[in-house]
């Protein structure tokens, strides 16, 4: 998955959420660290290291 594009799509309302698992976290982290709009997205932690990222309201 292209997490950089997914983060932009999430910010723009084109998608509702991004689901990240422990296996995909390192790929997501690279995109997240370069994402300039981090304050527009929030993460919701779940069990077993899963995180759902949604738009902040």
N, C-alpha and C. Protein backbone atom coordinates (compact mmCIF):
# COMPACT_ATOMS: atom_id res chain seq x y z
N UNK A 1 0.84 -1.19 0.00
CA UNK A 1 0.00 0.00 0.00
C UNK A 1 0.88 1.24 0.00
N UNK A 2 0.47 2.24 -0.74
CA UNK A 2 1.16 3.52 -0.76
C UNK A 2 0.59 4.38 0.37
N UNK A 3 1.27 4.34 1.53
CA UNK A 3 0.76 5.04 2.70
C UNK A 3 0.83 6.56 2.55
N UNK A 4 1.76 7.06 1.78
CA UNK A 4 1.83 8.51 1.55
C UNK A 4 0.56 8.99 0.85
N UNK A 5 0.15 8.27 -0.19
CA UNK A 5 -1.07 8.63 -0.90
C UNK A 5 -2.30 8.38 -0.03
N UNK A 6 -2.28 7.30 0.73
CA UNK A 6 -3.41 6.99 1.61
C UNK A 6 -3.61 8.08 2.66
N UNK A 7 -2.52 8.60 3.21
CA UNK A 7 -2.64 9.69 4.19
C UNK A 7 -3.23 10.94 3.56
N UNK A 8 -2.81 11.25 2.35
CA UNK A 8 -3.39 12.40 1.65
C UNK A 8 -4.87 12.17 1.36
N UNK A 9 -5.21 10.95 0.91
CA UNK A 9 -6.61 10.63 0.63
C UNK A 9 -7.45 10.70 1.91
N UNK A 10 -6.89 10.27 3.01
CA UNK A 10 -7.60 10.36 4.29
C UNK A 10 -7.81 11.81 4.67
N UNK A 11 -6.79 12.61 4.57
CA UNK A 11 -6.90 14.03 4.90
C UNK A 11 -7.95 14.72 4.03
N UNK A 12 -8.01 14.35 2.75
CA UNK A 12 -8.94 14.98 1.81
C UNK A 12 -10.34 14.38 1.84
N UNK A 13 -10.55 13.35 2.65
CA UNK A 13 -11.87 12.75 2.76
C UNK A 13 -12.20 11.74 1.68
N UNK A 14 -11.21 11.33 0.90
CA UNK A 14 -11.46 10.35 -0.16
C UNK A 14 -11.61 8.93 0.39
N UNK A 15 -10.98 8.68 1.54
CA UNK A 15 -11.15 7.41 2.25
C UNK A 15 -11.47 7.73 3.70
N UNK A 16 -12.05 6.77 4.41
CA UNK A 16 -12.49 7.01 5.79
C UNK A 16 -11.46 6.60 6.83
N UNK A 17 -10.61 5.64 6.51
CA UNK A 17 -9.65 5.16 7.51
C UNK A 17 -8.50 4.42 6.85
N UNK A 18 -7.43 4.30 7.62
CA UNK A 18 -6.28 3.49 7.24
C UNK A 18 -6.04 2.53 8.41
N UNK A 19 -5.99 1.25 8.11
CA UNK A 19 -5.73 0.26 9.15
C UNK A 19 -4.28 -0.19 9.05
N UNK A 20 -3.59 -0.13 10.19
CA UNK A 20 -2.18 -0.49 10.24
C UNK A 20 -2.01 -1.61 11.26
N UNK A 21 -1.27 -2.63 10.86
CA UNK A 21 -0.99 -3.77 11.74
C UNK A 21 0.48 -3.71 12.13
N UNK A 22 0.88 -4.49 13.12
CA UNK A 22 2.30 -4.52 13.48
C UNK A 22 3.20 -4.88 12.29
N UNK A 23 2.71 -5.72 11.40
CA UNK A 23 3.49 -6.13 10.23
C UNK A 23 3.68 -5.00 9.22
N UNK A 24 2.73 -4.09 9.13
CA UNK A 24 2.81 -3.01 8.15
C UNK A 24 3.24 -1.68 8.77
N UNK A 25 3.47 -1.66 10.09
CA UNK A 25 3.76 -0.40 10.77
C UNK A 25 5.03 0.27 10.26
N UNK A 26 6.08 -0.48 9.99
CA UNK A 26 7.33 0.17 9.56
C UNK A 26 7.14 0.91 8.23
N UNK A 27 6.37 0.33 7.31
CA UNK A 27 6.08 1.02 6.05
C UNK A 27 5.24 2.27 6.30
N UNK A 28 4.25 2.15 7.18
CA UNK A 28 3.41 3.31 7.50
C UNK A 28 4.23 4.40 8.18
N UNK A 29 5.11 4.01 9.09
CA UNK A 29 5.90 4.98 9.86
C UNK A 29 6.75 5.86 8.94
N UNK A 30 7.30 5.28 7.90
CA UNK A 30 8.10 6.06 6.95
C UNK A 30 7.26 7.16 6.31
N UNK A 31 6.05 6.81 5.88
CA UNK A 31 5.16 7.80 5.26
C UNK A 31 4.69 8.82 6.30
N UNK A 32 4.39 8.35 7.50
CA UNK A 32 3.89 9.24 8.56
C UNK A 32 4.94 10.29 8.94
N UNK A 33 6.19 9.88 9.02
CA UNK A 33 7.25 10.82 9.43
C UNK A 33 7.45 11.93 8.40
N UNK A 34 7.08 11.69 7.14
CA UNK A 34 7.20 12.70 6.10
C UNK A 34 5.90 13.43 5.81
N UNK A 35 4.82 13.06 6.49
CA UNK A 35 3.50 13.64 6.24
C UNK A 35 3.38 14.99 6.96
N UNK A 36 3.25 16.10 6.22
CA UNK A 36 3.25 17.42 6.86
C UNK A 36 1.95 17.80 7.57
N UNK A 37 0.91 17.00 7.45
CA UNK A 37 -0.40 17.35 8.02
C UNK A 37 -0.79 16.39 9.14
N UNK A 38 0.15 16.03 9.99
CA UNK A 38 -0.11 15.04 11.04
C UNK A 38 -1.24 15.46 11.97
N UNK A 39 -1.45 16.76 12.15
CA UNK A 39 -2.52 17.21 13.04
C UNK A 39 -3.91 17.01 12.44
N UNK A 40 -4.01 16.59 11.18
CA UNK A 40 -5.32 16.36 10.57
C UNK A 40 -5.76 14.90 10.66
N UNK A 41 -4.89 14.06 11.23
CA UNK A 41 -5.15 12.62 11.31
C UNK A 41 -4.89 12.16 12.74
N UNK A 42 -5.75 11.27 13.23
CA UNK A 42 -5.50 10.72 14.56
C UNK A 42 -5.56 9.20 14.50
N UNK A 43 -4.81 8.58 15.39
CA UNK A 43 -4.77 7.13 15.47
C UNK A 43 -5.59 6.62 16.63
N UNK A 44 -6.29 5.52 16.41
CA UNK A 44 -7.08 4.87 17.45
C UNK A 44 -6.48 3.48 17.64
N UNK A 45 -5.92 3.25 18.83
CA UNK A 45 -5.24 1.99 19.10
C UNK A 45 -6.25 0.89 19.42
N UNK A 46 -5.94 -0.31 18.95
CA UNK A 46 -6.74 -1.49 19.22
C UNK A 46 -5.84 -2.56 19.82
N UNK A 47 -6.42 -3.67 20.15
CA UNK A 47 -5.63 -4.78 20.68
C UNK A 47 -4.69 -5.35 19.64
N UNK A 48 -3.67 -6.02 20.13
CA UNK A 48 -2.70 -6.73 19.29
C UNK A 48 -1.89 -5.79 18.39
N UNK A 49 -1.74 -4.53 18.80
CA UNK A 49 -0.91 -3.60 18.06
C UNK A 49 -1.53 -3.00 16.81
N UNK A 50 -2.81 -3.19 16.61
CA UNK A 50 -3.48 -2.63 15.43
C UNK A 50 -3.90 -1.20 15.72
N UNK A 51 -3.78 -0.34 14.71
CA UNK A 51 -4.14 1.07 14.83
C UNK A 51 -4.97 1.46 13.61
N UNK A 52 -6.05 2.18 13.85
CA UNK A 52 -6.87 2.72 12.78
C UNK A 52 -6.66 4.22 12.77
N UNK A 53 -6.28 4.76 11.63
CA UNK A 53 -6.09 6.20 11.49
C UNK A 53 -7.31 6.79 10.78
N UNK A 54 -7.84 7.87 11.35
CA UNK A 54 -9.02 8.54 10.82
C UNK A 54 -8.74 10.04 10.78
N UNK A 55 -9.59 10.77 10.06
CA UNK A 55 -9.47 12.23 10.03
C UNK A 55 -9.85 12.80 11.37
N UNK A 56 -9.08 13.79 11.82
CA UNK A 56 -9.44 14.55 13.03
C UNK A 56 -10.58 15.49 12.68
N UNK A 57 -11.47 15.69 13.62
CA UNK A 57 -12.60 16.58 13.36
C UNK A 57 -12.46 17.86 14.12
